[in-house]
Protein backbone atom coordinates (compact mmCIF):
# COMPACT_ATOMS: atom_id res chain seq x y z
CA MET A 1 37.55 -38.94 -0.06
CA LYS A 2 37.09 -36.26 -2.70
CA ASN A 3 35.11 -34.07 -0.24
CA LEU A 4 37.81 -34.47 2.39
CA PHE A 5 40.42 -33.37 -0.14
CA PHE A 6 38.43 -30.23 -1.10
CA SER A 7 37.77 -29.44 2.57
CA PHE A 8 41.50 -29.68 3.24
CA ILE A 9 42.29 -27.39 0.27
CA ALA A 10 39.65 -24.88 1.45
CA LEU A 11 41.18 -24.87 4.96
CA ILE A 12 44.69 -24.27 3.59
CA THR A 13 43.40 -21.45 1.38
CA LEU A 14 41.62 -19.85 4.32
CA LEU A 15 44.69 -20.06 6.57
CA THR A 16 47.08 -18.66 4.00
CA SER A 17 44.78 -15.79 3.02
CA CYS A 18 44.50 -14.44 6.57
CA LYS A 19 46.79 -11.49 7.20
CA SER A 20 48.81 -11.65 10.38
CA ASN A 21 48.39 -7.99 11.31
CA ASP A 22 47.30 -5.11 9.12
CA ASN A 23 48.17 -2.56 11.83
CA PRO A 24 51.52 -3.47 13.39
CA THR A 25 52.51 -1.68 16.57
CA PRO A 26 54.54 1.37 15.60
CA THR A 27 58.17 1.43 16.63
CA LYS A 28 59.07 3.94 19.31
CA THR A 29 61.08 6.97 18.35
CA ARG A 30 64.50 7.54 19.90
CA ALA A 31 63.01 10.40 21.93
CA GLU A 32 60.35 8.05 23.31
CA TYR A 33 62.95 5.44 24.26
CA ILE A 34 65.27 7.94 25.93
CA SER A 35 62.57 9.75 27.93
CA ALA A 36 60.38 6.79 28.92
CA LYS A 37 62.73 5.32 31.52
CA VAL A 38 64.82 6.20 34.52
CA TRP A 39 68.40 5.21 33.63
CA ILE A 40 71.00 3.82 36.04
CA ILE A 41 74.67 3.30 35.26
CA ASP A 42 75.66 -0.33 34.82
CA ASN A 43 79.25 0.26 33.70
CA LEU A 44 81.54 3.21 33.04
CA THR A 45 84.89 2.54 31.38
CA VAL A 46 87.35 5.29 30.43
CA ASN A 47 89.91 5.06 27.60
CA GLY A 48 88.99 1.41 27.14
CA ILE A 49 91.01 0.28 30.14
CA ILE A 50 89.95 2.03 33.34
CA THR A 51 86.66 0.86 34.79
CA LEU A 52 85.48 3.64 37.07
CA TYR A 53 82.30 1.76 37.92
CA GLN A 54 80.83 -1.71 37.39
CA LYS A 55 77.46 -2.45 38.98
CA GLY A 56 77.89 -5.05 41.71
CA ASN A 57 81.67 -4.60 42.00
CA THR A 58 82.71 -3.82 45.58
CA GLN A 59 86.02 -2.21 44.56
CA ASN A 60 84.91 0.52 42.16
CA LEU A 61 87.05 3.62 41.74
CA TYR A 62 83.88 5.71 41.88
CA ASP A 63 80.57 4.63 43.43
CA LEU A 64 77.66 5.27 41.07
CA SER A 65 75.30 2.67 42.55
CA LYS A 66 72.62 5.18 43.56
CA VAL A 67 72.87 7.48 40.54
CA SER A 68 69.80 7.73 38.34
CA PHE A 69 68.98 9.91 35.34
CA ASN A 70 65.75 11.09 33.80
CA LEU A 71 66.16 12.48 30.30
CA ASN A 72 62.81 14.22 30.21
CA SER A 73 60.78 14.77 27.04
CA ASN A 74 61.16 18.55 27.49
CA GLY A 75 64.97 18.28 27.08
CA THR A 76 65.93 18.59 30.75
CA VAL A 77 68.02 16.12 32.71
CA THR A 78 67.10 15.39 36.30
CA GLY A 79 67.97 12.62 38.69
CA THR A 80 69.73 11.70 41.87
CA ASP A 81 73.42 11.38 42.65
CA ASN A 82 75.01 8.97 45.12
CA ASN A 83 74.65 11.39 48.01
CA GLY A 84 70.91 11.75 47.50
CA SER A 85 71.35 15.21 46.01
CA SER A 86 69.25 16.19 43.03
CA ILE A 87 70.81 16.38 39.62
CA THR A 88 69.31 19.49 38.04
CA GLY A 89 70.18 22.12 35.47
CA GLY A 90 71.27 19.64 32.82
CA THR A 91 69.85 19.42 29.33
CA TRP A 92 69.87 16.90 26.51
CA ALA A 93 69.16 16.99 22.77
CA PHE A 94 69.83 14.85 19.72
CA ASN A 95 72.12 15.87 16.90
CA SER A 96 70.48 16.26 13.48
CA ASP A 97 70.39 12.55 12.56
CA GLN A 98 69.78 11.35 16.14
CA SER A 99 72.95 9.25 16.16
CA LYS A 100 74.30 11.30 19.07
CA VAL A 101 72.93 12.80 22.23
CA VAL A 102 74.28 16.13 23.44
CA LEU A 103 74.41 16.47 27.23
CA THR A 104 75.00 19.84 28.85
CA ASN A 105 75.73 20.53 32.54
CA VAL A 106 75.06 16.99 33.76
CA THR A 107 77.24 16.84 36.87
CA ILE A 108 77.23 14.22 39.60
CA GLN A 109 78.31 15.12 43.14
CA GLY A 110 81.93 14.11 43.57
CA GLY A 111 83.33 15.42 40.34
CA LEU A 112 81.94 13.38 37.42
CA ALA A 113 80.69 15.50 34.53
CA LEU A 114 78.84 14.20 31.49
CA SER A 115 78.80 17.11 29.09
CA GLY A 116 79.27 17.12 25.35
CA GLU A 117 78.31 15.02 22.38
CA PHE A 118 77.96 11.27 22.97
CA THR A 119 77.59 8.68 20.23
CA ILE A 120 74.61 6.40 20.87
CA ILE A 121 75.84 2.81 20.84
CA GLN A 122 72.52 1.25 21.85
CA LEU A 123 69.09 2.61 22.75
CA ASN A 124 66.04 0.46 23.41
CA ASP A 125 63.57 -0.35 26.20
CA THR A 126 66.25 -1.74 28.50
CA ASN A 127 69.62 -0.30 27.46
CA PHE A 128 71.05 3.15 26.76
CA ASP A 129 74.76 2.99 25.97
CA ILE A 130 76.78 6.03 24.91
CA GLN A 131 80.40 6.90 24.13
CA GLY A 132 82.05 10.29 24.55
CA ASN A 133 84.22 12.41 26.80
CA VAL A 134 83.63 12.50 30.54
CA THR A 135 85.47 14.56 33.09
CA TYR A 136 86.37 13.09 36.46
CA MET A 137 88.33 15.03 39.08
CA GLY A 138 89.61 17.45 36.44
CA GLN A 139 90.74 14.72 34.02
CA THR A 140 88.95 14.11 30.71
CA GLY A 141 88.83 10.77 28.94
CA ASN A 142 86.83 8.94 26.30
CA ALA A 143 84.27 6.82 28.09
CA VAL A 144 81.71 4.18 27.34
CA VAL A 145 78.74 4.59 29.67
CA LYS A 146 76.36 1.63 29.74
CA MET A 147 73.01 2.29 31.37
CA THR A 148 70.02 0.12 32.07
CA ALA A 149 66.40 0.99 32.74
CA LYS A 150 65.53 1.12 36.41
């Protein structure tokens, strides 16, 4: 019985002395998250009340179902608009503390422009949500743009 007790104590000591992982996987940087995926718009709401687009809704004010964005690691924005036209000429960059993304000349066929400084609400492997001013058909409003990885 005494040997069984010491064997049990030795096993517990061995199990508790093992380290789970001396080299944890490093967390991705914001730049790695933003440039690793193709982003599609899931929802775009302006001024907190007007939903211009909701994925899956058949009565959207503006159809963004085929729009995709690539925020490339070199700071360019490319993609496809709903008409199959290329989105080119846009750029992106972070502000100094990487809490905001600055989009320049990101225009989607049909009159939607995403240009300016957008606060990052969420950024991870599956979601990229931002808030800032968008211009649609000559009107500017504060929008929340929720995107998911394609």
